[in-house]
PDB file of all heavy atoms in Angstrom:
ATOM      1  N   ILE A   1     -17.260  -2.389 -29.573  1.00  0.00           N
ATOM      2  CA  ILE A   1     -17.681  -1.038 -29.197  1.00  0.00           C
ATOM      3  C   ILE A   1     -18.892  -1.183 -28.287  1.00  0.00           C
ATOM      4  O   ILE A   1     -19.793  -1.980 -28.567  1.00  0.00           O
ATOM      5  CB  ILE A   1     -18.027  -0.214 -30.444  1.00  0.00           C
ATOM      6  CG1 ILE A   1     -16.828  -0.156 -31.394  1.00  0.00           C
ATOM      7  CG2 ILE A   1     -18.466   1.190 -30.046  1.00  0.00           C
ATOM      8  CD1 ILE A   1     -17.140   0.472 -32.734  1.00  0.00           C
ATOM      9  N   LEU A   2     -18.940  -0.410 -27.206  1.00  0.00           N
ATOM     10  CA  LEU A   2     -19.922  -0.654 -26.154  1.00  0.00           C
ATOM     11  C   LEU A   2     -20.692   0.605 -25.755  1.00  0.00           C
ATOM     12  O   LEU A   2     -20.133   1.693 -25.687  1.00  0.00           O
ATOM     13  CB  LEU A   2     -19.224  -1.204 -24.907  1.00  0.00           C
ATOM     14  CG  LEU A   2     -18.408  -2.480 -25.088  1.00  0.00           C
ATOM     15  CD1 LEU A   2     -17.574  -2.759 -23.843  1.00  0.00           C
ATOM     16  CD2 LEU A   2     -19.299  -3.661 -25.414  1.00  0.00           C
ATOM     17  N   LEU A   3     -21.982   0.398 -25.461  1.00  0.00           N
ATOM     18  CA  LEU A   3     -22.819   1.399 -24.816  1.00  0.00           C
ATOM     19  C   LEU A   3     -23.525   0.721 -23.648  1.00  0.00           C
ATOM     20  O   LEU A   3     -24.024  -0.393 -23.798  1.00  0.00           O
ATOM     21  CB  LEU A   3     -23.858   1.974 -25.786  1.00  0.00           C
ATOM     22  CG  LEU A   3     -23.340   2.809 -26.943  1.00  0.00           C
ATOM     23  CD1 LEU A   3     -24.483   3.179 -27.881  1.00  0.00           C
ATOM     24  CD2 LEU A   3     -22.647   4.067 -26.448  1.00  0.00           C
ATOM     25  N   SER A   4     -23.573   1.386 -22.521  1.00  0.00           N
ATOM     26  CA  SER A   4     -24.165   0.788 -21.316  1.00  0.00           C
ATOM     27  C   SER A   4     -25.161   1.726 -20.667  1.00  0.00           C
ATOM     28  O   SER A   4     -25.027   2.955 -20.743  1.00  0.00           O
ATOM     29  CB  SER A   4     -23.053   0.444 -20.315  1.00  0.00           C
ATOM     30  OG  SER A   4     -23.612  -0.005 -19.097  1.00  0.00           O
ATOM     31  N   ASP A   5     -26.191   1.133 -20.045  1.00  0.00           N
ATOM     32  CA  ASP A   5     -27.143   1.938 -19.281  1.00  0.00           C
ATOM     33  C   ASP A   5     -26.766   1.978 -17.800  1.00  0.00           C
ATOM     34  O   ASP A   5     -27.527   2.465 -16.978  1.00  0.00           O
ATOM     35  CB  ASP A   5     -28.562   1.412 -19.455  1.00  0.00           C
ATOM     36  CG  ASP A   5     -28.727  -0.030 -19.011  1.00  0.00           C
ATOM     37  OD1 ASP A   5     -27.737  -0.633 -18.526  1.00  0.00           O
ATOM     38  OD2 ASP A   5     -29.827  -0.593 -19.161  1.00  0.00           O
ATOM     39  N   SER A   6     -25.577   1.474 -17.466  1.00  0.00           N
ATOM     40  CA  SER A   6     -25.067   1.536 -16.092  1.00  0.00           C
ATOM     41  C   SER A   6     -23.890   2.503 -16.045  1.00  0.00           C
ATOM     42  O   SER A   6     -23.075   2.544 -16.964  1.00  0.00           O
ATOM     43  CB  SER A   6     -24.603   0.152 -15.617  1.00  0.00           C
ATOM     44  OG  SER A   6     -25.667  -0.768 -15.627  1.00  0.00           O
ATOM     45  N   ALA A   7     -23.798   3.268 -14.976  1.00  0.00           N
ATOM     46  CA  ALA A   7     -22.658   4.171 -14.813  1.00  0.00           C
ATOM     47  C   ALA A   7     -21.385   3.345 -14.658  1.00  0.00           C
ATOM     48  O   ALA A   7     -21.383   2.340 -13.947  1.00  0.00           O
ATOM     49  CB  ALA A   7     -22.872   5.060 -13.585  1.00  0.00           C
ATOM     50  N   PRO A   8     -20.307   3.743 -15.327  1.00  0.00           N
ATOM     51  CA  PRO A   8     -19.058   2.960 -15.281  1.00  0.00           C
ATOM     52  C   PRO A   8     -18.301   3.157 -13.987  1.00  0.00           C
ATOM     53  O   PRO A   8     -17.351   3.922 -13.901  1.00  0.00           O
ATOM     54  CB  PRO A   8     -18.273   3.505 -16.478  1.00  0.00           C
ATOM     55  CG  PRO A   8     -18.768   4.900 -16.645  1.00  0.00           C
ATOM     56  CD  PRO A   8     -20.213   4.881 -16.248  1.00  0.00           C
ATOM     57  N   VAL A   9     -18.726   2.477 -12.928  1.00  0.00           N
ATOM     58  CA  VAL A   9     -18.066   2.543 -11.628  1.00  0.00           C
ATOM     59  C   VAL A   9     -17.424   1.194 -11.365  1.00  0.00           C
ATOM     60  O   VAL A   9     -18.104   0.176 -11.277  1.00  0.00           O
ATOM     61  CB  VAL A   9     -19.073   2.875 -10.510  1.00  0.00           C
ATOM     62  CG1 VAL A   9     -18.362   2.907  -9.166  1.00  0.00           C
ATOM     63  CG2 VAL A   9     -19.755   4.202 -10.784  1.00  0.00           C
ATOM     64  N   SER A  10     -16.083   1.159 -11.230  1.00  0.00           N
ATOM     65  CA  SER A  10     -15.385  -0.104 -11.027  1.00  0.00           C
ATOM     66  C   SER A  10     -15.117  -0.377  -9.568  1.00  0.00           C
ATOM     67  O   SER A  10     -14.856  -1.502  -9.173  1.00  0.00           O
ATOM     68  CB  SER A  10     -14.043  -0.094 -11.792  1.00  0.00           C
ATOM     69  OG  SER A  10     -13.239   0.985 -11.357  1.00  0.00           O
ATOM     70  N   ALA A  11     -15.164   0.658  -8.735  1.00  0.00           N
ATOM     71  CA  ALA A  11     -14.912   0.462  -7.306  1.00  0.00           C
ATOM     72  C   ALA A  11     -15.496   1.634  -6.547  1.00  0.00           C
ATOM     73  O   ALA A  11     -15.859   2.658  -7.114  1.00  0.00           O
ATOM     74  CB  ALA A  11     -13.408   0.357  -7.022  1.00  0.00           C
ATOM     75  N   VAL A  12     -15.585   1.477  -5.228  1.00  0.00           N
ATOM     76  CA  VAL A  12     -16.093   2.568  -4.399  1.00  0.00           C
ATOM     77  C   VAL A  12     -15.125   3.739  -4.472  1.00  0.00           C
ATOM     78  O   VAL A  12     -13.928   3.561  -4.328  1.00  0.00           O
ATOM     79  CB  VAL A  12     -16.232   2.116  -2.939  1.00  0.00           C
ATOM     80  CG1 VAL A  12     -16.707   3.265  -2.066  1.00  0.00           C
ATOM     81  CG2 VAL A  12     -17.202   0.973  -2.859  1.00  0.00           C
ATOM     82  N   PRO A  13     -15.599   4.974  -4.730  1.00  0.00           N
ATOM     83  CA  PRO A  13     -14.697   6.138  -4.723  1.00  0.00           C
ATOM     84  C   PRO A  13     -13.970   6.257  -3.402  1.00  0.00           C
ATOM     85  O   PRO A  13     -14.468   5.837  -2.356  1.00  0.00           O
ATOM     86  CB  PRO A  13     -15.644   7.321  -4.951  1.00  0.00           C
ATOM     87  CG  PRO A  13     -16.852   6.722  -5.602  1.00  0.00           C
ATOM     88  CD  PRO A  13     -16.980   5.330  -5.035  1.00  0.00           C
ATOM     89  N   VAL A  14     -12.788   6.852  -3.419  1.00  0.00           N
ATOM     90  CA  VAL A  14     -11.959   6.965  -2.214  1.00  0.00           C
ATOM     91  C   VAL A  14     -12.704   7.610  -1.063  1.00  0.00           C
ATOM     92  O   VAL A  14     -12.642   7.115   0.071  1.00  0.00           O
ATOM     93  CB  VAL A  14     -10.656   7.731  -2.538  1.00  0.00           C
ATOM     94  CG1 VAL A  14      -9.876   8.019  -1.261  1.00  0.00           C
ATOM     95  CG2 VAL A  14      -9.812   6.933  -3.508  1.00  0.00           C
ATOM     96  N   PRO A  15     -13.423   8.731  -1.249  1.00  0.00           N
ATOM     97  CA  PRO A  15     -14.140   9.315  -0.097  1.00  0.00           C
ATOM     98  C   PRO A  15     -15.142   8.353   0.520  1.00  0.00           C
ATOM     99  O   PRO A  15     -15.277   8.288   1.725  1.00  0.00           O
ATOM    100  CB  PRO A  15     -14.844  10.538  -0.716  1.00  0.00           C
ATOM    101  CG  PRO A  15     -14.018  10.879  -1.904  1.00  0.00           C
ATOM    102  CD  PRO A  15     -13.567   9.551  -2.447  1.00  0.00           C
ATOM    103  N   ALA A  16     -15.858   7.577  -0.322  1.00  0.00           N
ATOM    104  CA  ALA A  16     -16.835   6.635   0.218  1.00  0.00           C
ATOM    105  C   ALA A  16     -16.134   5.533   0.996  1.00  0.00           C
ATOM    106  O   ALA A  16     -16.588   5.097   2.050  1.00  0.00           O
ATOM    107  CB  ALA A  16     -17.662   6.043  -0.925  1.00  0.00           C
ATOM    108  N   THR A  17     -15.004   5.061   0.461  1.00  0.00           N
ATOM    109  CA  THR A  17     -14.244   4.021   1.174  1.00  0.00           C
ATOM    110  C   THR A  17     -13.746   4.547   2.502  1.00  0.00           C
ATOM    111  O   THR A  17     -13.802   3.866   3.524  1.00  0.00           O
ATOM    112  CB  THR A  17     -13.042   3.567   0.309  1.00  0.00           C
ATOM    113  OG1 THR A  17     -13.523   3.144  -0.965  1.00  0.00           O
ATOM    114  CG2 THR A  17     -12.308   2.415   0.979  1.00  0.00           C
ATOM    115  N   ALA A  18     -13.233   5.775   2.494  1.00  0.00           N
ATOM    116  CA  ALA A  18     -12.744   6.378   3.736  1.00  0.00           C
ATOM    117  C   ALA A  18     -13.873   6.489   4.765  1.00  0.00           C
ATOM    118  O   ALA A  18     -13.675   6.238   5.954  1.00  0.00           O
ATOM    119  CB  ALA A  18     -12.147   7.753   3.440  1.00  0.00           C
ATOM    120  N   TRP A  19     -15.066   6.865   4.304  1.00  0.00           N
ATOM    121  CA  TRP A  19     -16.195   6.984   5.234  1.00  0.00           C
ATOM    122  C   TRP A  19     -16.558   5.634   5.828  1.00  0.00           C
ATOM    123  O   TRP A  19     -16.874   5.536   7.005  1.00  0.00           O
ATOM    124  CB  TRP A  19     -17.389   7.592   4.519  1.00  0.00           C
ATOM    125  CG  TRP A  19     -18.632   7.615   5.367  1.00  0.00           C
ATOM    126  CD1 TRP A  19     -19.761   6.914   5.167  1.00  0.00           C
ATOM    127  CD2 TRP A  19     -18.829   8.355   6.574  1.00  0.00           C
ATOM    128  NE1 TRP A  19     -20.681   7.183   6.144  1.00  0.00           N
ATOM    129  CE2 TRP A  19     -20.117   8.061   7.046  1.00  0.00           C
ATOM    130  CE3 TRP A  19     -18.026   9.237   7.294  1.00  0.00           C
ATOM    131  CZ2 TRP A  19     -20.621   8.623   8.199  1.00  0.00           C
ATOM    132  CZ3 TRP A  19     -18.541   9.792   8.458  1.00  0.00           C
ATOM    133  CH2 TRP A  19     -19.829   9.481   8.890  1.00  0.00           C
ATOM    134  N   LEU A  20     -16.490   4.576   5.022  1.00  0.00           N
ATOM    135  CA  LEU A  20     -16.762   3.240   5.553  1.00  0.00           C
ATOM    136  C   LEU A  20     -15.742   2.877   6.633  1.00  0.00           C
ATOM    137  O   LEU A  20     -16.093   2.327   7.681  1.00  0.00           O
ATOM    138  CB  LEU A  20     -16.716   2.199   4.423  1.00  0.00           C
ATOM    139  CG  LEU A  20     -17.945   2.130   3.509  1.00  0.00           C
ATOM    140  CD1 LEU A  20     -17.672   1.192   2.341  1.00  0.00           C
ATOM    141  CD2 LEU A  20     -19.161   1.669   4.283  1.00  0.00           C
ATOM    142  N   LEU A  21     -14.463   3.169   6.381  1.00  0.00           N
ATOM    143  CA  LEU A  21     -13.437   2.839   7.362  1.00  0.00           C
ATOM    144  C   LEU A  21     -13.590   3.672   8.634  1.00  0.00           C
ATOM    145  O   LEU A  21     -13.408   3.167   9.746  1.00  0.00           O
ATOM    146  CB  LEU A  21     -12.053   3.064   6.748  1.00  0.00           C
ATOM    147  CG  LEU A  21     -11.681   2.127   5.592  1.00  0.00           C
ATOM    148  CD1 LEU A  21     -10.333   2.508   5.010  1.00  0.00           C
ATOM    149  CD2 LEU A  21     -11.674   0.670   6.050  1.00  0.00           C
ATOM    150  N   ILE A  22     -13.934   4.954   8.465  1.00  0.00           N
ATOM    151  CA  ILE A  22     -14.166   5.796   9.643  1.00  0.00           C
ATOM    152  C   ILE A  22     -15.338   5.252  10.462  1.00  0.00           C
ATOM    153  O   ILE A  22     -15.282   5.201  11.695  1.00  0.00           O
ATOM    154  CB  ILE A  22     -14.438   7.252   9.206  1.00  0.00           C
ATOM    155  CG1 ILE A  22     -13.154   7.868   8.644  1.00  0.00           C
ATOM    156  CG2 ILE A  22     -14.950   8.083  10.375  1.00  0.00           C
ATOM    157  CD1 ILE A  22     -13.368   9.224   7.999  1.00  0.00           C
ATOM    158  N   SER A  23     -16.411   4.846   9.770  1.00  0.00           N
ATOM    159  CA  SER A  23     -17.561   4.257  10.466  1.00  0.00           C
ATOM    160  C   SER A  23     -17.139   3.005  11.224  1.00  0.00           C
ATOM    161  O   SER A  23     -17.591   2.758  12.355  1.00  0.00           O
ATOM    162  CB  SER A  23     -18.655   3.925   9.453  1.00  0.00           C
ATOM    163  OG  SER A  23     -19.096   5.075   8.778  1.00  0.00           O
ATOM    164  N   GLY A  24     -16.261   2.225  10.592  1.00  0.00           N
ATOM    165  CA  GLY A  24     -15.783   1.009  11.259  1.00  0.00           C
ATOM    166  C   GLY A  24     -14.985   1.324  12.515  1.00  0.00           C
ATOM    167  O   GLY A  24     -15.127   0.659  13.548  1.00  0.00           O
ATOM    168  N   LEU A  25     -14.130   2.342  12.431  1.00  0.00           N
ATOM    169  CA  LEU A  25     -13.338   2.722  13.603  1.00  0.00           C
ATOM    170  C   LEU A  25     -14.231   3.230  14.729  1.00  0.00           C
ATOM    171  O   LEU A  25     -13.978   2.971  15.909  1.00  0.00           O
ATOM    172  CB  LEU A  25     -12.321   3.804  13.203  1.00  0.00           C
ATOM    173  CG  LEU A  25     -11.205   3.348  12.269  1.00  0.00           C
ATOM    174  CD1 LEU A  25     -10.342   4.537  11.851  1.00  0.00           C
ATOM    175  CD2 LEU A  25     -10.349   2.274  12.935  1.00  0.00           C
ATOM    176  N   ILE A  26     -15.269   3.981  14.374  1.00  0.00           N
ATOM    177  CA  ILE A  26     -16.217   4.459  15.395  1.00  0.00           C
ATOM    178  C   ILE A  26     -16.890   3.260  16.068  1.00  0.00           C
ATOM    179  O   ILE A  26     -17.066   3.219  17.296  1.00  0.00           O
ATOM    180  CB  ILE A  26     -17.269   5.389  14.766  1.00  0.00           C
ATOM    181  CG1 ILE A  26     -16.602   6.682  14.282  1.00  0.00           C
ATOM    182  CG2 ILE A  26     -18.380   5.700  15.760  1.00  0.00           C
ATOM    183  CD1 ILE A  26     -17.536   7.598  13.504  1.00  0.00           C
ATOM    184  N   GLY A  27     -17.253   2.275  15.234  1.00  0.00           N
ATOM    185  CA  GLY A  27     -17.859   1.065  15.797  1.00  0.00           C
ATOM    186  C   GLY A  27     -16.919   0.329  16.723  1.00  0.00           C
ATOM    187  O   GLY A  27     -17.309  -0.156  17.791  1.00  0.00           O
ATOM    188  N   LEU A  28     -15.641   0.250  16.337  1.00  0.00           N
ATOM    189  CA  LEU A  28     -14.650  -0.419  17.185  1.00  0.00           C
ATOM    190  C   LEU A  28     -14.475   0.316  18.509  1.00  0.00           C
ATOM    191  O   LEU A  28     -14.305  -0.300  19.573  1.00  0.00           O
ATOM    192  CB  LEU A  28     -13.304  -0.502  16.462  1.00  0.00           C
ATOM    193  CG  LEU A  28     -13.224  -1.498  15.302  1.00  0.00           C
ATOM    194  CD1 LEU A  28     -11.871  -1.382  14.610  1.00  0.00           C
ATOM    195  CD2 LEU A  28     -13.436  -2.925  15.800  1.00  0.00           C
ATOM    196  N   ALA A  29     -14.511   1.654  18.450  1.00  0.00           N
ATOM    197  CA  ALA A  29     -14.383   2.437  19.687  1.00  0.00           C
ATOM    198  C   ALA A  29     -15.541   2.131  20.623  1.00  0.00           C
ATOM    199  O   ALA A  29     -15.370   2.021  21.841  1.00  0.00           O
ATOM    200  CB  ALA A  29     -14.349   3.920  19.338  1.00  0.00           C
ATOM    201  N   GLY A  30     -16.750   1.962  20.048  1.00  0.00           N
ATOM    202  CA  GLY A  30     -17.894   1.631  20.871  1.00  0.00           C
ATOM    203  C   GLY A  30     -17.751   0.260  21.515  1.00  0.00           C
ATOM    204  O   GLY A  30     -18.079   0.074  22.695  1.00  0.00           O
TER     205      GLY A  30
END
């Protein structure tokens, strides 16, 4: 049985991942 002082986030949420990819595409365009 577990208690943690860290938020249980296993991966970047989809919107954050999408923003990273969009930023990458903008960089590629440049």
